[in-house]
Amino acid sequence: MLMKNFLVILLFIMVSVTWGTTWLAMKLTVETIPPIFATGIRFMFAAPVLILISVLTKTRLLFPDGQKFFQLFVCIFYFSIPFSLMIYGETYVSPALASIIFSSMPVCVLFFSWLLLNERVGIIAILGLVTSTVSLLAILFIETNIGSNNQWVGIISLVIAVIMHA
């Protein structure tokens, strides 16, 4: 039991450090190279790791033969464009604001699950949706009053990335 708890805590720390440093790394990247090139580099370094994990876990990497077009669609509209928009958006906003905007992903997933998949959404989920949306809008309002008008370009890029990724 102790080993299991240690493993859970270790994995949580690894995810937190990885996600937390992602925004800082992207900010440093956008100051030196174009967003689409940065996205390509990100995938180039991540691909070998993901392929290795796929091989070690014997997880199928490619979609079944009849779904190759869908896999291409997912690659472009779920990964390539949103990640490029995310890096592009961060050229105009701070890493903190970018991470706050991207943290609205669960809200978008819940909304689209309800809208497109007819998922039942309980009152607690609705309250969470409203609370997170109001909080995000308040943060955006405060940040955009402090920052420049160019921040809206970054905010809109990030929101589009979140919607596409959801």
Protein backbone atom coordinates (compact mmCIF):
# COMPACT_ATOMS: atom_id res chain seq x y z
CA MET A 1 0.00 0.00 0.00
CA LEU A 2 2.84 2.36 0.87
CA MET A 3 4.53 1.70 -2.48
CA LYS A 4 1.27 2.34 -4.34
CA ASN A 5 0.78 5.68 -2.55
CA PHE A 6 4.39 6.62 -3.29
CA LEU A 7 3.89 5.80 -6.97
CA VAL A 8 0.68 7.86 -7.15
CA ILE A 9 2.39 10.83 -5.51
CA LEU A 10 5.44 10.48 -7.77
CA LEU A 11 3.29 10.33 -10.91
CA PHE A 12 1.28 13.35 -9.74
CA ILE A 13 4.49 15.32 -9.18
CA MET A 14 5.80 14.29 -12.61
CA VAL A 15 2.59 15.39 -14.33
CA SER A 16 2.52 18.68 -12.39
CA VAL A 17 6.13 19.49 -13.22
CA THR A 18 5.66 18.52 -16.87
CA TRP A 19 2.49 20.55 -17.33
CA GLY A 20 3.75 23.44 -15.24
CA THR A 21 7.00 23.80 -17.15
CA THR A 22 5.30 23.38 -20.53
CA TRP A 23 3.99 26.95 -20.49
CA LEU A 24 7.35 28.39 -19.50
CA ALA A 25 9.11 26.35 -22.19
CA MET A 26 6.61 27.54 -24.79
CA LYS A 27 7.16 31.16 -23.75
CA LEU A 28 10.91 30.75 -24.20
CA THR A 29 10.35 29.00 -27.52
CA VAL A 30 8.08 31.65 -29.04
CA GLU A 31 10.71 34.28 -28.38
CA THR A 32 13.17 32.47 -30.65
CA ILE A 33 11.39 30.41 -33.34
CA PRO A 34 8.08 30.52 -35.29
CA PRO A 35 5.06 28.74 -33.71
CA ILE A 36 4.56 26.13 -36.45
CA PHE A 37 8.25 25.19 -36.33
CA ALA A 38 8.01 24.95 -32.53
CA THR A 39 5.04 22.60 -32.87
CA GLY A 40 7.01 20.43 -35.27
CA ILE A 41 9.97 20.28 -32.90
CA ARG A 42 7.66 19.39 -30.02
CA PHE A 43 6.17 16.48 -31.96
CA MET A 44 9.59 15.41 -33.23
CA PHE A 45 10.89 15.01 -29.68
CA ALA A 46 7.67 13.54 -28.28
CA ALA A 47 7.16 10.96 -31.05
CA PRO A 48 10.05 8.63 -30.15
CA VAL A 49 8.97 8.58 -26.51
CA LEU A 50 5.36 7.85 -27.42
CA ILE A 51 6.38 5.18 -29.94
CA LEU A 52 8.57 3.53 -27.29
CA ILE A 53 5.70 3.56 -24.79
CA SER A 54 3.41 2.11 -27.47
CA VAL A 55 5.87 -0.70 -28.21
CA LEU A 56 6.51 -1.48 -24.53
CA THR A 57 2.81 -1.57 -23.68
CA LYS A 58 1.90 -3.32 -26.95
CA THR A 59 -0.62 -0.58 -27.68
CA ARG A 60 -1.71 -0.19 -31.28
CA LEU A 61 -0.36 3.11 -32.60
CA LEU A 62 -2.33 3.43 -35.84
CA PHE A 63 -6.08 3.45 -36.30
CA PRO A 64 -7.72 0.46 -38.04
CA ASP A 65 -7.55 0.42 -41.87
CA GLY A 66 -11.03 1.86 -42.37
CA GLN A 67 -10.27 4.86 -40.15
CA LYS A 68 -7.05 6.22 -41.68
CA PHE A 69 -8.81 9.38 -42.92
CA PHE A 70 -10.21 9.94 -39.43
CA GLN A 71 -6.70 9.52 -37.99
CA LEU A 72 -5.39 12.17 -40.40
CA PHE A 73 -8.29 14.45 -39.37
CA VAL A 74 -7.45 13.93 -35.69
CA CYS A 75 -3.75 14.59 -36.29
CA ILE A 76 -4.45 17.88 -38.03
CA PHE A 77 -7.44 19.27 -36.14
CA TYR A 78 -6.80 17.81 -32.67
CA PHE A 79 -3.02 18.14 -32.50
CA SER A 80 -1.30 20.20 -35.21
CA ILE A 81 -3.56 23.24 -35.49
CA PRO A 82 -4.45 23.57 -31.77
CA PHE A 83 -0.83 23.22 -30.65
CA SER A 84 0.31 25.77 -33.24
CA LEU A 85 -2.44 28.16 -32.13
CA MET A 86 -1.46 27.58 -28.53
CA ILE A 87 2.17 28.48 -29.16
CA TYR A 88 1.17 31.40 -31.42
CA GLY A 89 -1.25 32.70 -28.78
CA GLU A 90 1.46 32.67 -26.19
CA THR A 91 3.45 35.19 -28.22
CA TYR A 92 0.84 37.72 -27.08
CA VAL A 93 -0.04 36.60 -23.54
CA SER A 94 1.86 35.52 -20.45
CA PRO A 95 2.42 31.82 -19.72
CA ALA A 96 0.21 32.17 -16.64
CA LEU A 97 -2.72 33.55 -18.64
CA ALA A 98 -2.21 30.92 -21.36
CA SER A 99 -2.34 28.11 -18.80
CA ILE A 100 -5.45 29.59 -17.19
CA ILE A 101 -7.20 29.77 -20.57
CA PHE A 102 -6.16 26.21 -21.41
CA SER A 103 -7.39 25.02 -18.02
CA SER A 104 -10.90 25.67 -19.32
CA MET A 105 -10.56 22.49 -21.41
CA PRO A 106 -12.76 20.37 -19.07
CA VAL A 107 -15.47 23.02 -19.35
CA CYS A 108 -15.39 22.77 -23.14
CA VAL A 109 -15.38 18.97 -23.05
CA LEU A 110 -18.41 18.98 -20.75
CA PHE A 111 -20.22 21.52 -22.93
CA PHE A 112 -19.53 19.66 -26.19
CA SER A 113 -20.43 16.32 -24.60
CA TRP A 114 -23.79 17.79 -23.68
CA LEU A 115 -24.28 19.58 -27.01
CA LEU A 116 -23.04 16.96 -29.47
CA LEU A 117 -23.32 13.65 -27.63
CA ASN A 118 -26.48 14.36 -25.61
CA GLU A 119 -24.69 13.52 -22.35
CA ARG A 120 -26.73 14.12 -19.24
CA VAL A 121 -25.26 16.92 -17.17
CA GLY A 122 -26.18 17.16 -13.50
CA ILE A 123 -26.66 20.29 -11.42
CA ILE A 124 -23.19 19.96 -9.84
CA ALA A 125 -21.58 19.86 -13.29
CA ILE A 126 -23.61 22.88 -14.40
CA LEU A 127 -22.57 24.80 -11.28
CA GLY A 128 -18.94 23.87 -11.95
CA LEU A 129 -19.30 24.94 -15.58
CA VAL A 130 -20.78 28.31 -14.62
CA THR A 131 -18.24 28.90 -11.83
CA SER A 132 -15.24 28.11 -14.01
CA THR A 133 -16.56 30.17 -16.93
CA VAL A 134 -17.26 33.20 -14.73
CA SER A 135 -13.84 32.85 -13.08
CA LEU A 136 -12.09 32.61 -16.45
CA LEU A 137 -13.96 35.64 -17.77
CA ALA A 138 -13.07 37.62 -14.63
CA ILE A 139 -9.39 36.74 -15.00
CA LEU A 140 -9.46 37.62 -18.71
CA PHE A 141 -11.16 40.94 -17.94
CA ILE A 142 -8.58 41.84 -15.30
CA GLU A 143 -5.62 40.72 -17.41
CA THR A 144 -6.75 42.48 -20.59
CA ASN A 145 -7.26 45.75 -18.72
CA ILE A 146 -3.68 45.53 -17.50
CA GLY A 147 -2.08 44.27 -20.73
CA SER A 148 -1.94 45.51 -24.27
CA ASN A 149 -4.61 45.30 -26.94
CA ASN A 150 -2.51 42.68 -28.71
CA GLN A 151 -3.39 40.29 -25.91
CA TRP A 152 -6.75 39.71 -27.57
CA VAL A 153 -4.99 38.07 -30.53
CA GLY A 154 -3.36 35.62 -28.13
CA ILE A 155 -6.52 35.07 -26.12
CA ILE A 156 -8.60 34.35 -29.22
CA SER A 157 -5.91 31.97 -30.57
CA LEU A 158 -5.83 30.10 -27.27
CA VAL A 159 -9.63 29.90 -27.01
CA ILE A 160 -9.84 28.50 -30.56
CA ALA A 161 -7.13 25.97 -29.64
CA VAL A 162 -9.10 24.91 -26.55
CA ILE A 163 -12.32 24.53 -28.54
CA MET A 164 -10.59 22.49 -31.26
CA HIS A 165 -8.84 20.33 -28.69
CA ALA A 166 -12.06 19.66 -26.77
